[in-house]
Amino acid sequence: MVWSDNFSGGIAWNSKWVGDKTSSYRYGNHNPDYNKLDWLDPSAVTTSNGVATFTAKPSSHILENGKKAWTTGLLTTERSSEGFQVKTGDYAETRVKLPSAAGAWPDLWTWKNGNGEIDSFEYHPDNPNLLELTNHVTSGSDYYTNSGAVAPGRWVTIGTHYGAGSVDWYVNGKKVYSDGHGVGSDFSAYLILNLSISAGEYHPAPTGSAPITMQADYVKVYR
């Protein structure tokens, strides 16, 4: 294991994580693109008993497209003092409690220089038993469906091996998809774990103003 955070001592801001900006968002701290309502607020990520909780709430901010933003939490290794990046051959894993509220859009993914995106998972409660697994670096995607492992309010362990010739996805320790394309020999990118909020175009937007949460137990990387 070359890098990890089990959230046992609070969020390691600045050393491990940054939570107020990401180059994956056009405006750094908020993003009207890609059907998102996100406005980043580091205080939206808290820890207790070794679990990180991401809490999204309606905001007074208005996005450039005129939609009302939600403050929400994002953790990225980009711009942290460690500056940790996953590389070809690494395996990244997280354990998360999937949200149940409409509008929730949790994700573990990678990003660098306008590209480098590998989605370990994306989840939308309107597809309650489905995880979206996607390689945007080359090509490859799968809609993994398993009602026994994937459901609102359920804890699930999700891992990704960034192979040169194939990216492999694991759910609860079992390989569930290999894309056969991989990331190439010189891949490197920053990690992002976050709770986005859907604006309603592809998946339902929030139905009210109640806070929306998701939880994470850890993030680990093996090399």
Protein backbone atom coordinates (compact mmCIF):
# COMPACT_ATOMS: atom_id res chain seq x y z
CA MET A 1 0.00 0.00 0.00
CA VAL A 2 1.55 3.31 -1.10
CA TRP A 3 -1.16 5.74 -0.02
CA SER A 4 -4.27 5.67 2.15
CA ASP A 5 -6.71 7.61 4.28
CA ASN A 6 -9.00 5.86 6.73
CA PHE A 7 -10.49 9.15 7.99
CA SER A 8 -9.69 8.29 11.60
CA GLY A 9 -8.20 11.65 12.51
CA GLY A 10 -10.23 14.19 10.59
CA ILE A 11 -9.66 15.31 7.03
CA ALA A 12 -5.97 15.88 6.27
CA TRP A 13 -6.55 19.19 4.51
CA ASN A 14 -3.70 20.54 2.41
CA SER A 15 -1.37 17.61 3.11
CA LYS A 16 -3.48 14.80 1.60
CA TRP A 17 -6.58 16.53 0.32
CA VAL A 18 -7.84 19.80 -1.13
CA GLY A 19 -11.56 20.55 -0.95
CA ASP A 20 -12.15 24.05 -2.27
CA LYS A 21 -11.14 23.66 -5.92
CA THR A 22 -10.41 21.19 -8.70
CA SER A 23 -9.22 21.68 -12.27
CA SER A 24 -12.00 19.33 -13.36
CA TYR A 25 -14.49 22.15 -12.65
CA ARG A 26 -14.53 25.09 -15.06
CA TYR A 27 -14.63 27.66 -12.28
CA GLY A 28 -12.49 25.73 -9.80
CA ASN A 29 -14.92 25.77 -6.89
CA HIS A 30 -18.15 25.30 -8.81
CA ASN A 31 -19.40 23.66 -11.95
CA PRO A 32 -22.47 24.40 -14.08
CA ASP A 33 -21.29 21.85 -16.64
CA TYR A 34 -22.13 18.16 -17.02
CA ASN A 35 -25.55 18.54 -15.42
CA LYS A 36 -24.12 19.36 -11.98
CA LEU A 37 -25.21 21.83 -9.29
CA ASP A 38 -21.96 21.62 -7.30
CA TRP A 39 -20.47 24.49 -5.30
CA LEU A 40 -17.54 23.21 -3.25
CA ASP A 41 -17.32 23.82 0.48
CA PRO A 42 -14.65 21.99 2.53
CA SER A 43 -16.88 22.16 5.61
CA ALA A 44 -19.28 19.83 3.78
CA VAL A 45 -16.89 16.94 4.51
CA THR A 46 -16.73 15.87 8.15
CA THR A 47 -15.43 12.82 10.00
CA SER A 48 -16.62 10.77 12.95
CA ASN A 49 -15.56 7.31 14.13
CA GLY A 50 -13.36 6.77 11.10
CA VAL A 51 -16.04 7.64 8.54
CA ALA A 52 -16.11 10.67 6.25
CA THR A 53 -19.55 12.14 5.62
CA PHE A 54 -20.22 14.31 2.58
CA THR A 55 -23.23 16.60 3.06
CA ALA A 56 -24.85 18.62 0.27
CA LYS A 57 -27.27 21.47 1.01
CA PRO A 58 -29.11 24.10 -1.04
CA SER A 59 -26.97 27.20 -1.47
CA SER A 60 -27.56 30.90 -2.03
CA HIS A 61 -25.08 30.77 -4.92
CA ILE A 62 -26.44 30.96 -8.46
CA LEU A 63 -24.57 29.17 -11.24
CA GLU A 64 -23.74 30.79 -14.57
CA ASN A 65 -26.61 28.89 -16.20
CA GLY A 66 -29.07 30.46 -13.75
CA LYS A 67 -29.60 27.35 -11.65
CA LYS A 68 -29.37 27.41 -7.88
CA ALA A 69 -26.24 25.65 -6.64
CA TRP A 70 -25.87 23.17 -3.81
CA THR A 71 -22.86 23.35 -1.52
CA THR A 72 -21.24 19.94 -1.37
CA GLY A 73 -18.05 18.10 -0.56
CA LEU A 74 -15.14 17.02 -2.73
CA LEU A 75 -11.73 15.59 -1.84
CA THR A 76 -8.92 15.72 -4.39
CA THR A 77 -5.19 15.06 -4.12
CA GLU A 78 -4.59 17.75 -6.75
CA ARG A 79 -2.73 20.79 -5.30
CA SER A 80 -2.19 19.03 -1.96
CA SER A 81 1.33 19.18 -0.53
CA GLU A 82 1.74 15.45 -1.14
CA GLY A 83 0.37 15.80 -4.65
CA PHE A 84 -0.33 12.08 -4.77
CA GLN A 85 -1.13 10.57 -8.16
CA VAL A 86 -2.15 7.07 -9.14
CA LYS A 87 -0.07 5.50 -11.91
CA THR A 88 -0.28 2.69 -14.42
CA GLY A 89 -0.41 -0.59 -12.50
CA ASP A 90 -1.91 0.87 -9.33
CA TYR A 91 -5.05 -0.44 -7.64
CA ALA A 92 -7.32 2.07 -5.86
CA GLU A 93 -10.13 1.04 -3.53
CA THR A 94 -12.81 2.74 -1.47
CA ARG A 95 -15.66 1.60 0.72
CA VAL A 96 -18.72 3.82 0.55
CA LYS A 97 -22.28 3.91 1.82
CA LEU A 98 -24.45 4.60 -1.19
CA PRO A 99 -26.92 7.49 -0.83
CA SER A 100 -30.67 7.18 -1.26
CA ALA A 101 -31.84 10.75 -1.92
CA ALA A 102 -32.81 11.95 -5.39
CA GLY A 103 -30.08 14.10 -6.90
CA ALA A 104 -27.19 12.32 -5.19
CA TRP A 105 -24.27 11.53 -7.50
CA PRO A 106 -21.24 10.07 -5.68
CA ASP A 107 -18.08 9.20 -7.56
CA LEU A 108 -14.50 8.01 -7.10
CA TRP A 109 -12.51 9.09 -10.13
CA THR A 110 -9.23 10.40 -11.47
CA TRP A 111 -8.37 13.61 -13.31
CA LYS A 112 -5.35 15.44 -14.74
CA ASN A 113 -4.71 18.08 -17.39
CA GLY A 114 -8.23 18.06 -18.78
CA ASN A 115 -8.22 14.30 -19.19
CA GLY A 116 -7.10 11.28 -17.21
CA GLU A 117 -10.63 10.40 -16.11
CA ILE A 118 -11.24 6.87 -14.89
CA ASP A 119 -14.52 6.49 -12.99
CA SER A 120 -14.13 3.77 -10.38
CA PHE A 121 -17.85 4.25 -9.94
CA GLU A 122 -20.70 6.67 -10.41
CA TYR A 123 -24.01 6.06 -8.69
CA HIS A 124 -27.51 7.50 -9.04
CA PRO A 125 -30.28 6.33 -6.67
CA ASP A 126 -32.87 6.33 -9.48
CA ASN A 127 -30.93 3.31 -10.79
CA PRO A 128 -30.71 1.76 -7.33
CA ASN A 129 -28.79 -1.41 -8.17
CA LEU A 130 -26.43 -0.03 -10.85
CA LEU A 131 -22.87 1.29 -10.82
CA GLU A 132 -21.46 3.13 -13.83
CA LEU A 133 -17.86 2.05 -14.52
CA THR A 134 -16.05 4.11 -17.17
CA ASN A 135 -12.64 4.54 -18.79
CA HIS A 136 -12.56 7.97 -20.45
CA VAL A 137 -8.80 7.83 -21.10
CA THR A 138 -9.08 5.32 -23.93
CA SER A 139 -12.44 3.58 -24.13
CA GLY A 140 -14.56 1.29 -22.05
CA SER A 141 -17.67 1.34 -19.90
CA ASP A 142 -20.10 -0.96 -18.18
CA TYR A 143 -23.37 -0.64 -16.31
CA TYR A 144 -22.78 -3.12 -13.51
CA THR A 145 -26.04 -4.28 -11.95
CA ASN A 146 -26.24 -6.35 -8.77
CA SER A 147 -29.15 -5.96 -6.37
CA GLY A 148 -27.33 -8.04 -3.78
CA ALA A 149 -24.35 -5.68 -3.58
CA VAL A 150 -25.55 -2.31 -4.86
CA ALA A 151 -28.50 -0.54 -3.23
CA PRO A 152 -29.34 2.75 -1.50
CA GLY A 153 -28.02 2.81 2.05
CA ARG A 154 -25.73 -0.17 1.52
CA TRP A 155 -22.00 -0.26 2.14
CA VAL A 156 -20.03 -1.48 -0.87
CA THR A 157 -16.31 -1.87 -1.59
CA ILE A 158 -15.23 -0.74 -5.06
CA GLY A 159 -11.76 -1.11 -6.55
CA THR A 160 -10.04 -0.27 -9.82
CA HIS A 161 -6.80 -1.60 -11.31
CA TYR A 162 -5.33 0.86 -13.78
CA GLY A 163 -3.67 -1.63 -16.11
CA ALA A 164 -1.72 -0.57 -19.18
CA GLY A 165 -3.76 -2.87 -21.41
CA SER A 166 -6.96 -3.18 -19.41
CA VAL A 167 -8.68 -1.37 -16.57
CA ASP A 168 -10.32 -3.85 -14.19
CA TRP A 169 -13.13 -3.06 -11.76
CA TYR A 170 -13.88 -4.96 -8.55
CA VAL A 171 -16.98 -4.91 -6.35
CA ASN A 172 -16.70 -6.43 -2.88
CA GLY A 173 -13.47 -8.13 -3.91
CA LYS A 174 -14.80 -9.73 -7.10
CA LYS A 175 -13.70 -8.65 -10.58
CA VAL A 176 -16.83 -7.51 -12.40
CA TYR A 177 -15.54 -5.82 -15.56
CA SER A 178 -12.38 -5.54 -17.68
CA ASP A 179 -12.39 -2.99 -20.50
CA GLY A 180 -9.57 -4.50 -22.58
CA HIS A 181 -8.18 -1.04 -23.41
CA GLY A 182 -6.32 0.14 -20.34
CA VAL A 183 -4.61 3.45 -19.66
CA GLY A 184 -1.28 2.98 -21.43
CA SER A 185 2.16 2.75 -19.88
CA ASP A 186 2.59 6.36 -18.69
CA PHE A 187 -0.77 7.11 -17.05
CA SER A 188 -0.85 9.26 -13.93
CA ALA A 189 -3.68 11.28 -12.41
CA TYR A 190 -5.03 12.74 -9.19
CA LEU A 191 -7.73 11.05 -7.11
CA ILE A 192 -11.13 12.63 -6.51
CA LEU A 193 -13.83 11.38 -4.14
CA ASN A 194 -16.94 13.52 -4.09
CA LEU A 195 -20.69 13.88 -3.86
CA SER A 196 -22.07 15.74 -6.86
CA ILE A 197 -25.67 16.89 -7.14
CA SER A 198 -27.56 16.24 -10.36
CA ALA A 199 -29.31 19.13 -12.12
CA GLY A 200 -32.04 16.88 -13.50
CA GLU A 201 -31.24 16.42 -17.18
CA TYR A 202 -30.07 12.80 -17.09
CA HIS A 203 -31.03 11.85 -13.54
CA PRO A 204 -33.52 13.44 -11.14
CA ALA A 205 -32.56 16.62 -9.32
CA PRO A 206 -33.22 16.89 -5.57
CA THR A 207 -36.93 16.85 -4.80
CA GLY A 208 -36.68 19.19 -1.81
CA SER A 209 -34.25 21.12 0.35
CA ALA A 210 -33.28 18.38 2.81
CA PRO A 211 -29.53 17.71 3.08
CA ILE A 212 -28.16 14.85 0.96
CA THR A 213 -25.36 12.67 2.33
CA MET A 214 -23.00 9.89 1.43
CA GLN A 215 -20.27 8.28 3.52
CA ALA A 216 -16.83 6.79 2.92
CA ASP A 217 -14.82 4.49 5.17
CA TYR A 218 -11.43 4.76 3.43
CA VAL A 219 -9.47 5.28 0.24
CA LYS A 220 -6.43 3.05 -0.36
CA VAL A 221 -3.94 2.69 -3.20
CA TYR A 222 -1.69 -0.31 -3.79
CA ARG A 223 1.31 -0.29 -6.13
